[in-house]
C-alpha atoms as a PDB file:
ATOM      1  CA  MET A   1       0.000   0.000   0.000  1.00  0.00           C
ATOM      2  CA  VAL A   2       2.973   2.331   0.401  1.00  0.00           C
ATOM      3  CA  GLY A   3       3.374   2.559  -3.366  1.00  0.00           C
ATOM      4  CA  VAL A   4      -0.333   3.313  -3.857  1.00  0.00           C
ATOM      5  CA  ARG A   5      -0.235   6.039  -1.205  1.00  0.00           C
ATOM      6  CA  LYS A   6       2.850   7.553  -2.784  1.00  0.00           C
ATOM      7  CA  ALA A   7       1.228   7.534  -6.224  1.00  0.00           C
ATOM      8  CA  LEU A   8      -1.890   9.241  -4.865  1.00  0.00           C
ATOM      9  CA  VAL A   9       0.177  11.955  -3.195  1.00  0.00           C
ATOM     10  CA  LEU A  10       2.182  12.522  -6.380  1.00  0.00           C
ATOM     11  CA  LEU A  11      -1.055  12.804  -8.349  1.00  0.00           C
ATOM     12  CA  ILE A  12      -2.383  15.511  -6.025  1.00  0.00           C
ATOM     13  CA  LEU A  13       0.870  17.465  -5.910  1.00  0.00           C
ATOM     14  CA  GLY A  14       1.315  17.226  -9.673  1.00  0.00           C
ATOM     15  CA  PHE A  15      -2.234  18.443 -10.233  1.00  0.00           C
ATOM     16  CA  PHE A  16      -1.793  21.563  -8.120  1.00  0.00           C
ATOM     17  CA  CYS A  17       1.660  22.245  -9.548  1.00  0.00           C
ATOM     18  CA  SER A  18       0.360  22.164 -13.124  1.00  0.00           C
ATOM     19  CA  GLN A  19      -2.772  24.147 -12.277  1.00  0.00           C
ATOM     20  CA  LEU A  20      -0.860  26.897 -10.521  1.00  0.00           C
ATOM     21  CA  ALA A  21       1.678  27.073 -13.356  1.00  0.00           C
ATOM     22  CA  MET A  22      -1.112  27.423 -15.938  1.00  0.00           C
ATOM     23  CA  VAL A  23      -2.854  30.121 -13.891  1.00  0.00           C
ATOM     24  CA  ALA A  24       0.472  31.966 -13.679  1.00  0.00           C
ATOM     25  CA  LEU A  25       0.999  31.847 -17.442  1.00  0.00           C
ATOM     26  CA  LEU A  26      -2.595  32.587 -18.442  1.00  0.00           C
ATOM     27  CA  GLY A  27      -3.498  35.014 -15.662  1.00  0.00           C
ATOM     28  CA  PRO A  28      -2.654  38.702 -15.220  1.00  0.00           C
ATOM     29  CA  SER A  29       0.972  39.737 -15.050  1.00  0.00           C
ATOM     30  CA  GLU A  30       0.491  41.063 -11.516  1.00  0.00           C
ATOM     31  CA  THR A  31       0.103  37.526 -10.196  1.00  0.00           C
ATOM     32  CA  LEU A  32       2.718  35.822 -12.385  1.00  0.00           C
ATOM     33  CA  VAL A  33       5.444  35.646  -9.734  1.00  0.00           C
ATOM     34  CA  LEU A  34       2.937  34.682  -7.057  1.00  0.00           C
ATOM     35  CA  TYR A  35       1.573  31.624  -8.840  1.00  0.00           C
ATOM     36  CA  LEU A  36       4.969  30.592 -10.158  1.00  0.00           C
ATOM     37  CA  GLY A  37       6.257  30.666  -6.582  1.00  0.00           C
ATOM     38  CA  LEU A  38       3.390  28.497  -5.396  1.00  0.00           C
ATOM     39  CA  ALA A  39       3.878  26.119  -8.322  1.00  0.00           C
ATOM     40  CA  LEU A  40       7.568  25.882  -7.414  1.00  0.00           C
ATOM     41  CA  CYS A  41       6.683  24.852  -3.844  1.00  0.00           C
ATOM     42  CA  TYR A  42       4.464  22.042  -5.117  1.00  0.00           C
ATOM     43  CA  GLY A  43       7.010  21.113  -7.777  1.00  0.00           C
ATOM     44  CA  ILE A  44       9.769  20.718  -5.189  1.00  0.00           C
ATOM     45  CA  ALA A  45       7.543  18.449  -3.111  1.00  0.00           C
ATOM     46  CA  PHE A  46       6.580  16.446  -6.212  1.00  0.00           C
ATOM     47  CA  PHE A  47      10.102  15.847  -7.488  1.00  0.00           C
ATOM     48  CA  GLY A  48      11.466  15.240  -4.001  1.00  0.00           C
ATOM     49  CA  LEU A  49       8.901  12.533  -3.318  1.00  0.00           C
ATOM     50  CA  ALA A  50       9.370  10.964  -6.729  1.00  0.00           C
ATOM     51  CA  ALA A  51      13.159  10.888  -6.287  1.00  0.00           C
ATOM     52  CA  GLU A  52      12.749   9.653  -2.688  1.00  0.00           C
ATOM     53  CA  TRP A  53      14.964  12.332  -1.191  1.00  0.00           C
ATOM     54  CA  PHE A  54      15.078  11.814   2.557  1.00  0.00           C
ATOM     55  CA  TRP A  55      13.578  15.224   3.421  1.00  0.00           C
ATOM     56  CA  ALA A  56      10.817  15.175   0.791  1.00  0.00           C
ATOM     57  CA  ARG A  57       8.237  13.387   2.945  1.00  0.00           C
ATOM     58  CA  TRP A  58       8.510  16.013   5.650  1.00  0.00           C
ATOM     59  CA  PHE A  59       8.333  18.893   3.173  1.00  0.00           C
ATOM     60  CA  ALA A  60       5.288  17.418   1.432  1.00  0.00           C
ATOM     61  CA  MET A  61       3.569  16.898   4.779  1.00  0.00           C
ATOM     62  CA  GLY A  62       4.160  20.571   5.488  1.00  0.00           C
ATOM     63  CA  ILE A  63       2.521  21.439   2.163  1.00  0.00           C
ATOM     64  CA  GLY A  64      -0.402  19.257   3.196  1.00  0.00           C
ATOM     65  CA  ASN A  65      -0.668  21.024   6.539  1.00  0.00           C
ATOM     66  CA  PHE A  66      -0.669  24.381   4.760  1.00  0.00           C
ATOM     67  CA  GLY A  67      -3.620  23.471   2.564  1.00  0.00           C
ATOM     68  CA  SER A  68      -5.517  21.723   5.340  1.00  0.00           C
ATOM     69  CA  VAL A  69      -5.825  25.016   7.211  1.00  0.00           C
ATOM     70  CA  PHE A  70      -8.247  26.265   4.555  1.00  0.00           C
ATOM     71  CA  LEU A  71     -10.796  23.744   5.784  1.00  0.00           C
ATOM     72  CA  LEU A  72     -11.200  25.995   8.813  1.00  0.00           C
ATOM     73  CA  LEU A  73     -12.525  28.761   6.572  1.00  0.00           C
ATOM     74  CA  MET A  74     -15.675  26.734   6.043  1.00  0.00           C
ATOM     75  CA  LEU A  75     -16.486  27.187   9.724  1.00  0.00           C
ATOM     76  CA  GLN A  76     -17.081  30.860   8.952  1.00  0.00           C
ATOM     77  CA  MET A  77     -18.083  30.795   5.281  1.00  0.00           C
ATOM     78  CA  GLY A  78     -20.073  27.579   5.223  1.00  0.00           C
ATOM     79  CA  PHE A  79     -19.515  24.712   2.839  1.00  0.00           C
ATOM     80  CA  GLU A  80     -17.698  25.706  -0.351  1.00  0.00           C
ATOM     81  CA  PRO A  81     -16.859  22.978  -2.895  1.00  0.00           C
ATOM     82  CA  ILE A  82     -13.559  24.581  -3.920  1.00  0.00           C
ATOM     83  CA  LEU A  83     -12.451  25.035  -0.325  1.00  0.00           C
ATOM     84  CA  ALA A  84     -13.488  21.477   0.503  1.00  0.00           C
ATOM     85  CA  PHE A  85     -11.517  20.104  -2.463  1.00  0.00           C
ATOM     86  CA  PHE A  86      -8.447  22.238  -1.797  1.00  0.00           C
ATOM     87  CA  GLY A  87      -8.312  21.580   1.944  1.00  0.00           C
ATOM     88  CA  GLY A  88      -9.440  17.956   1.733  1.00  0.00           C
ATOM     89  CA  SER A  89      -6.858  17.003  -0.882  1.00  0.00           C
ATOM     90  CA  HIS A  90      -4.080  18.589   1.176  1.00  0.00           C
ATOM     91  CA  ALA A  91      -5.269  16.827   4.313  1.00  0.00           C
ATOM     92  CA  LEU A  92      -5.155  13.584   2.326  1.00  0.00           C
ATOM     93  CA  VAL A  93      -1.531  14.327   1.361  1.00  0.00           C
ATOM     94  CA  ALA A  94      -0.543  14.737   4.999  1.00  0.00           C
ATOM     95  CA  LEU A  95      -2.380  11.563   6.025  1.00  0.00           C
ATOM     96  CA  MET A  96      -1.046   9.403   3.183  1.00  0.00           C
ATOM     97  CA  LEU A  97       2.557  10.279   4.057  1.00  0.00           C
ATOM     98  CA  MET A  98       2.279   9.207   7.695  1.00  0.00           C
ATOM     99  CA  GLY A  99       3.460   5.911   9.057  1.00  0.00           C
ATOM    100  CA  GLU A 100       6.638   3.889   9.455  1.00  0.00           C
ATOM    101  CA  GLY A 101       6.205   2.203   6.084  1.00  0.00           C
ATOM    102  CA  MET A 102       6.384   5.532   4.279  1.00  0.00           C
ATOM    103  CA  ALA A 103       9.261   6.697   6.477  1.00  0.00           C
ATOM    104  CA  SER A 104      11.226   3.584   5.502  1.00  0.00           C
ATOM    105  CA  ARG A 105      11.231   4.855   1.905  1.00  0.00           C
ATOM    106  CA  TYR A 106      12.748   8.197   2.858  1.00  0.00           C
ATOM    107  CA  GLU A 107      14.526   9.183   6.093  1.00  0.00           C
ATOM    108  CA  TYR A 108      14.911   5.573   7.310  1.00  0.00           C
ATOM    109  CA  SER A 109      15.869   4.045   3.983  1.00  0.00           C
ATOM    110  CA  GLU A 110      19.108   2.096   3.576  1.00  0.00           C
ATOM    111  CA  HIS A 111      20.401   4.690   1.114  1.00  0.00           C
ATOM    112  CA  THR A 112      19.913   7.485   3.648  1.00  0.00           C
ATOM    113  CA  LYS A 113      21.605   5.495   6.403  1.00  0.00           C
ATOM    114  CA  GLU A 114      24.601   4.643   4.232  1.00  0.00           C
ATOM    115  CA  ARG A 115      25.075   8.107   2.776  1.00  0.00           C
ATOM    116  CA  TRP A 116      24.162  10.429   5.654  1.00  0.00           C
ATOM    117  CA  ASN A 117      24.252   8.286   8.822  1.00  0.00           C
ATOM    118  CA  PHE A 118      21.973  10.665  10.725  1.00  0.00           C
ATOM    119  CA  GLN A 119      21.480  10.421  14.462  1.00  0.00           C
ATOM    120  CA  ASP A 120      17.951  10.232  15.850  1.00  0.00           C
ATOM    121  CA  GLU A 121      18.260  13.705  17.386  1.00  0.00           C
ATOM    122  CA  SER A 122      19.284  15.142  14.041  1.00  0.00           C
ATOM    123  CA  LEU A 123      16.325  13.516  12.314  1.00  0.00           C
ATOM    124  CA  VAL A 124      13.926  15.014  14.836  1.00  0.00           C
ATOM    125  CA  LEU A 125      15.318  18.503  14.312  1.00  0.00           C
ATOM    126  CA  MET A 126      15.317  18.188  10.532  1.00  0.00           C
ATOM    127  CA  ARG A 127      11.771  16.805  10.516  1.00  0.00           C
ATOM    128  CA  ARG A 128      10.556  19.879  12.363  1.00  0.00           C
ATOM    129  CA  ALA A 129      12.526  22.206  10.114  1.00  0.00           C
ATOM    130  CA  PHE A 130      11.334  20.717   6.812  1.00  0.00           C
ATOM    131  CA  LYS A 131       7.720  20.440   7.958  1.00  0.00           C
ATOM    132  CA  SER A 132       7.817  24.080   9.001  1.00  0.00           C
ATOM    133  CA  ALA A 133       9.379  25.012   5.664  1.00  0.00           C
ATOM    134  CA  GLY A 134       6.649  23.200   3.750  1.00  0.00           C
ATOM    135  CA  SER A 135       3.952  24.932   5.778  1.00  0.00           C
ATOM    136  CA  THR A 136       5.395  28.441   5.753  1.00  0.00           C
ATOM    137  CA  LEU A 137       6.932  28.787   2.280  1.00  0.00           C
ATOM    138  CA  PRO A 138       3.534  28.969   0.490  1.00  0.00           C
ATOM    139  CA  LEU A 139       2.352  31.493   3.079  1.00  0.00           C
ATOM    140  CA  LEU A 140       5.470  33.600   2.550  1.00  0.00           C
ATOM    141  CA  VAL A 141       4.945  33.458  -1.221  1.00  0.00           C
ATOM    142  CA  LEU A 142       1.352  34.611  -0.733  1.00  0.00           C
ATOM    143  CA  TYR A 143       2.414  37.328   1.644  1.00  0.00           C
ATOM    144  CA  PHE A 144       5.306  38.844  -0.271  1.00  0.00           C
ATOM    145  CA  PHE A 145       4.292  38.359  -3.917  1.00  0.00           C
ATOM    146  CA  ALA A 146       0.543  38.921  -3.875  1.00  0.00           C
ATOM    147  CA  PRO A 147      -0.542  42.369  -5.131  1.00  0.00           C
ATOM    148  CA  LYS A 148      -0.608  44.821  -2.259  1.00  0.00           C
ATOM    149  CA  PRO A 149      -2.146  48.291  -2.056  1.00  0.00           C
ATOM    150  CA  GLU A 150       0.622  49.813   0.109  1.00  0.00           C
ATOM    151  CA  ALA A 151       4.400  49.781   0.470  1.00  0.00           C
ATOM    152  CA  ILE A 152       4.041  49.123   4.183  1.00  0.00           C
ATOM    153  CA  THR A 153       5.074  45.519   3.541  1.00  0.00           C
ATOM    154  CA  VAL A 154       8.688  46.675   3.194  1.00  0.00           C
ATOM    155  CA  ALA A 155       8.604  47.871   6.781  1.00  0.00           C
ATOM    156  CA  LEU A 156       6.921  44.641   7.879  1.00  0.00           C
ATOM    157  CA  LEU A 157       9.554  42.573   6.080  1.00  0.00           C
ATOM    158  CA  GLY A 158      12.362  44.546   7.691  1.00  0.00           C
ATOM    159  CA  LEU A 159      10.863  44.140  11.144  1.00  0.00           C
ATOM    160  CA  ALA A 160      10.308  40.422  10.558  1.00  0.00           C
ATOM    161  CA  VAL A 161      13.938  39.895   9.526  1.00  0.00           C
ATOM    162  CA  LEU A 162      15.159  41.977  12.465  1.00  0.00           C
ATOM    163  CA  ALA A 163      12.987  40.031  14.909  1.00  0.00           C
ATOM    164  CA  SER A 164      14.081  36.676  13.478  1.00  0.00           C
ATOM    165  CA  VAL A 165      17.779  37.549  13.740  1.00  0.00           C
ATOM    166  CA  GLY A 166      17.359  38.874  17.256  1.00  0.00           C
ATOM    167  CA  LEU A 167      15.382  35.866  18.480  1.00  0.00           C
ATOM    168  CA  ALA A 168      17.877  33.468  16.895  1.00  0.00           C
ATOM    169  CA  ARG A 169      20.703  35.229  18.763  1.00  0.00           C
ATOM    170  CA  GLY A 170      18.725  35.397  22.003  1.00  0.00           C
ATOM    171  CA  LYS A 171      18.552  39.200  22.128  1.00  0.00           C
ATOM    172  CA  THR A 172      15.947  40.874  24.317  1.00  0.00           C
ATOM    173  CA  TRP A 173      15.486  43.784  21.910  1.00  0.00           C
ATOM    174  CA  SER A 174      14.088  41.348  19.314  1.00  0.00           C
ATOM    175  CA  LEU A 175      10.727  41.585  21.098  1.00  0.00           C
ATOM    176  CA  LEU A 176      10.348  45.200  20.012  1.00  0.00           C
ATOM    177  CA  PRO A 177      10.121  44.405  16.254  1.00  0.00           C
ATOM    178  CA  VAL A 178       7.470  41.795  17.067  1.00  0.00           C
ATOM    179  CA  VAL A 179       5.404  44.483  18.775  1.00  0.00           C
ATOM    180  CA  GLY A 180       6.010  46.753  15.778  1.00  0.00           C
ATOM    181  CA  ILE A 181       4.722  44.147  13.336  1.00  0.00           C
ATOM    182  CA  SER A 182       1.522  43.720  15.297  1.00  0.00           C
ATOM    183  CA  GLY A 183       1.069  47.471  15.648  1.00  0.00           C
ATOM    184  CA  LEU A 184       1.516  48.117  11.929  1.00  0.00           C
ATOM    185  CA  CYS A 185      -0.943  45.385  10.983  1.00  0.00           C
ATOM    186  CA  LEU A 186      -3.613  46.680  13.328  1.00  0.00           C
ATOM    187  CA  ALA A 187      -3.056  50.448  13.027  1.00  0.00           C
ATOM    188  CA  HIS A 188      -2.950  50.638   9.243  1.00  0.00           C
ATOM    189  CA  GLY A 189      -5.544  47.963   8.541  1.00  0.00           C
ATOM    190  CA  PHE A 190      -3.105  46.268   6.217  1.00  0.00           C
ATOM    191  CA  TRP A 191      -4.590  42.816   6.454  1.00  0.00           C
ATOM    192  CA  GLY A 192      -8.092  43.959   5.666  1.00  0.00           C
ATOM    193  CA  ASP A 193      -6.948  45.933   2.620  1.00  0.00           C
ATOM    194  CA  PHE A 194      -4.857  43.008   1.420  1.00  0.00           C
ATOM    195  CA  ALA A 195      -7.739  40.547   1.606  1.00  0.00           C
ATOM    196  CA  SER A 196     -10.290  42.855   0.005  1.00  0.00           C
ATOM    197  CA  ALA A 197      -8.271  44.786  -2.573  1.00  0.00           C
ATOM    198  CA  SER A 198      -6.256  41.969  -4.072  1.00  0.00           C
ATOM    199  CA  PRO A 199      -7.262  41.175  -7.668  1.00  0.00           C
ATOM    200  CA  MET A 200      -6.670  37.516  -6.846  1.00  0.00           C
ATOM    201  CA  THR A 201     -10.115  37.403  -5.255  1.00  0.00           C
ATOM    202  CA  THR A 202     -11.541  37.321  -8.777  1.00  0.00           C
ATOM    203  CA  SER A 203      -9.244  34.595 -10.089  1.00  0.00           C
ATOM    204  CA  ALA A 204      -9.855  30.897 -10.416  1.00  0.00           C
ATOM    205  CA  TRP A 205      -7.929  30.291  -7.197  1.00  0.00           C
ATOM    206  CA  ALA A 206      -9.813  32.855  -5.129  1.00  0.00           C
ATOM    207  CA  PRO A 207     -10.138  30.541  -2.079  1.00  0.00           C
ATOM    208  CA  ILE A 208      -6.401  30.883  -1.532  1.00  0.00           C
ATOM    209  CA  MET A 209      -6.939  34.557  -0.852  1.00  0.00           C
ATOM    210  CA  LEU A 210     -10.223  34.313   1.059  1.00  0.00           C
ATOM    211  CA  LEU A 211      -8.616  35.060   4.395  1.00  0.00           C
ATOM    212  CA  PRO A 212     -11.082  36.483   6.919  1.00  0.00           C
ATOM    213  CA  THR A 213     -10.232  40.040   7.928  1.00  0.00           C
ATOM    214  CA  ARG A 214     -11.321  39.486  11.503  1.00  0.00           C
ATOM    215  CA  GLY A 215      -9.259  36.344  11.793  1.00  0.00           C
ATOM    216  CA  LEU A 216      -6.165  38.084  10.470  1.00  0.00           C
ATOM    217  CA  ALA A 217      -6.718  41.031  12.787  1.00  0.00           C
ATOM    218  CA  LEU A 218      -6.946  38.560  15.661  1.00  0.00           C
ATOM    219  CA  GLY A 219      -3.741  36.943  14.428  1.00  0.00           C
ATOM    220  CA  ALA A 220      -2.005  40.322  14.422  1.00  0.00           C
ATOM    221  CA  ALA A 221      -3.223  40.892  17.961  1.00  0.00           C
ATOM    222  CA  LEU A 222      -1.864  37.498  18.997  1.00  0.00           C
ATOM    223  CA  VAL A 223       1.504  38.429  17.501  1.00  0.00           C
ATOM    224  CA  GLY A 224       1.474  41.401  19.833  1.00  0.00           C
ATOM    225  CA  LEU A 225       0.952  39.055  22.760  1.00  0.00           C
ATOM    226  CA  VAL A 226       4.099  37.083  21.945  1.00  0.00           C
ATOM    227  CA  PRO A 227       6.384  39.414  23.960  1.00  0.00           C
ATOM    228  CA  LEU A 228       4.197  38.832  27.036  1.00  0.00           C
ATOM    229  CA  SER A 229       5.374  35.230  27.149  1.00  0.00           C
ATOM    230  CA  PHE A 230       8.924  36.529  27.597  1.00  0.00           C
ATOM    231  CA  VAL A 231       8.065  38.831  30.497  1.00  0.00           C
ATOM    232  CA  PRO A 232       8.981  36.289  33.234  1.00  0.00           C
ATOM    233  CA  ALA A 233      12.305  35.529  31.552  1.00  0.00           C
ATOM    234  CA  VAL A 234      13.120  39.217  31.091  1.00  0.00           C
ATOM    235  CA  ARG A 235      12.164  39.954  34.703  1.00  0.00           C
ATOM    236  CA  ALA A 236      14.326  37.089  35.958  1.00  0.00           C
ATOM    237  CA  TRP A 237      17.226  38.347  33.857  1.00  0.00           C
ATOM    238  CA  CYS A 238      16.816  41.888  35.198  1.00  0.00           C
ATOM    239  CA  ASN A 239      16.660  40.606  38.785  1.00  0.00           C
ATOM    240  CA  ALA A 240      19.787  38.513  38.219  1.00  0.00           C
ATOM    241  CA  ALA A 241      21.610  41.487  36.722  1.00  0.00           C
ATOM    242  CA  ASP A 242      20.509  43.693  39.619  1.00  0.00           C
ATOM    243  CA  ALA A 243      21.645  41.110  42.155  1.00  0.00           C
ATOM    244  CA  SER A 244      24.995  40.827  40.403  1.00  0.00           C
ATOM    245  CA  THR A 245      25.407  44.602  40.467  1.00  0.00           C
ATOM    246  CA  ARG A 246      24.619  44.771  44.169  1.00  0.00           C
ATOM    247  CA  SER A 247      27.013  41.933  44.880  1.00  0.00           C
ATOM    248  CA  GLY A 248      29.766  43.745  43.025  1.00  0.00           C
ATOM    249  CA  ALA A 249      29.040  46.966  44.943  1.00  0.00           C
ATOM    250  CA  HIS A 250      29.259  45.187  48.298  1.00  0.00           C
ATOM    251  CA  ARG A 251      32.607  43.678  47.353  1.00  0.00           C
ATOM    252  CA  VAL A 252      33.959  47.093  46.473  1.00  0.00           C
END
């Protein structure tokens, strides 16, 4: 059954890759890069699975998780055949790639063991990384290449890069760009304009862009709450620094 499941997943990924590529070539020039980027994401998953690269299963599962999220839109919009097909097919991709039998064709295959000799801890870390990449790359393509009414996205991109670098290096100041991202999204109503003004809402793949304004505004608000989770750590660090300063003063 592993071969049948793999063939079904390849069929779904190949379908979306070809459809997105055709929409890119036949659609307006404003969305050319957007749809080509999405087609590239599906194409990478397709060729990786077909070639049985060790990371391809994880990446394709991330693609499946990305599309499965659109099933949640039906909770607000009601049943939509296109949304059901798009989300259901992606959920099927994620489900078909689960299991030890499928893993034995990729990360646990003899070829992978002989060539890479990964440790279990390394496989866990890479699985998380590639699944996250598969889930976030299509979202980043949608975010950065979809037509936008304002140039505010440049500021958002800069803040996102600054926050990512700071968090990766464990810097406290990296929380400030996170607050800035949330503030820009809420104050300027960027998300609402993006969802309503984009010409993609009239294209054949409109469900991809049917992102609820209220849900995105809530997401921006939740981004603003991220720094609150670091408050105890920052307070503990400040107390430790203060105690160290007092200790040094007493010694002097």
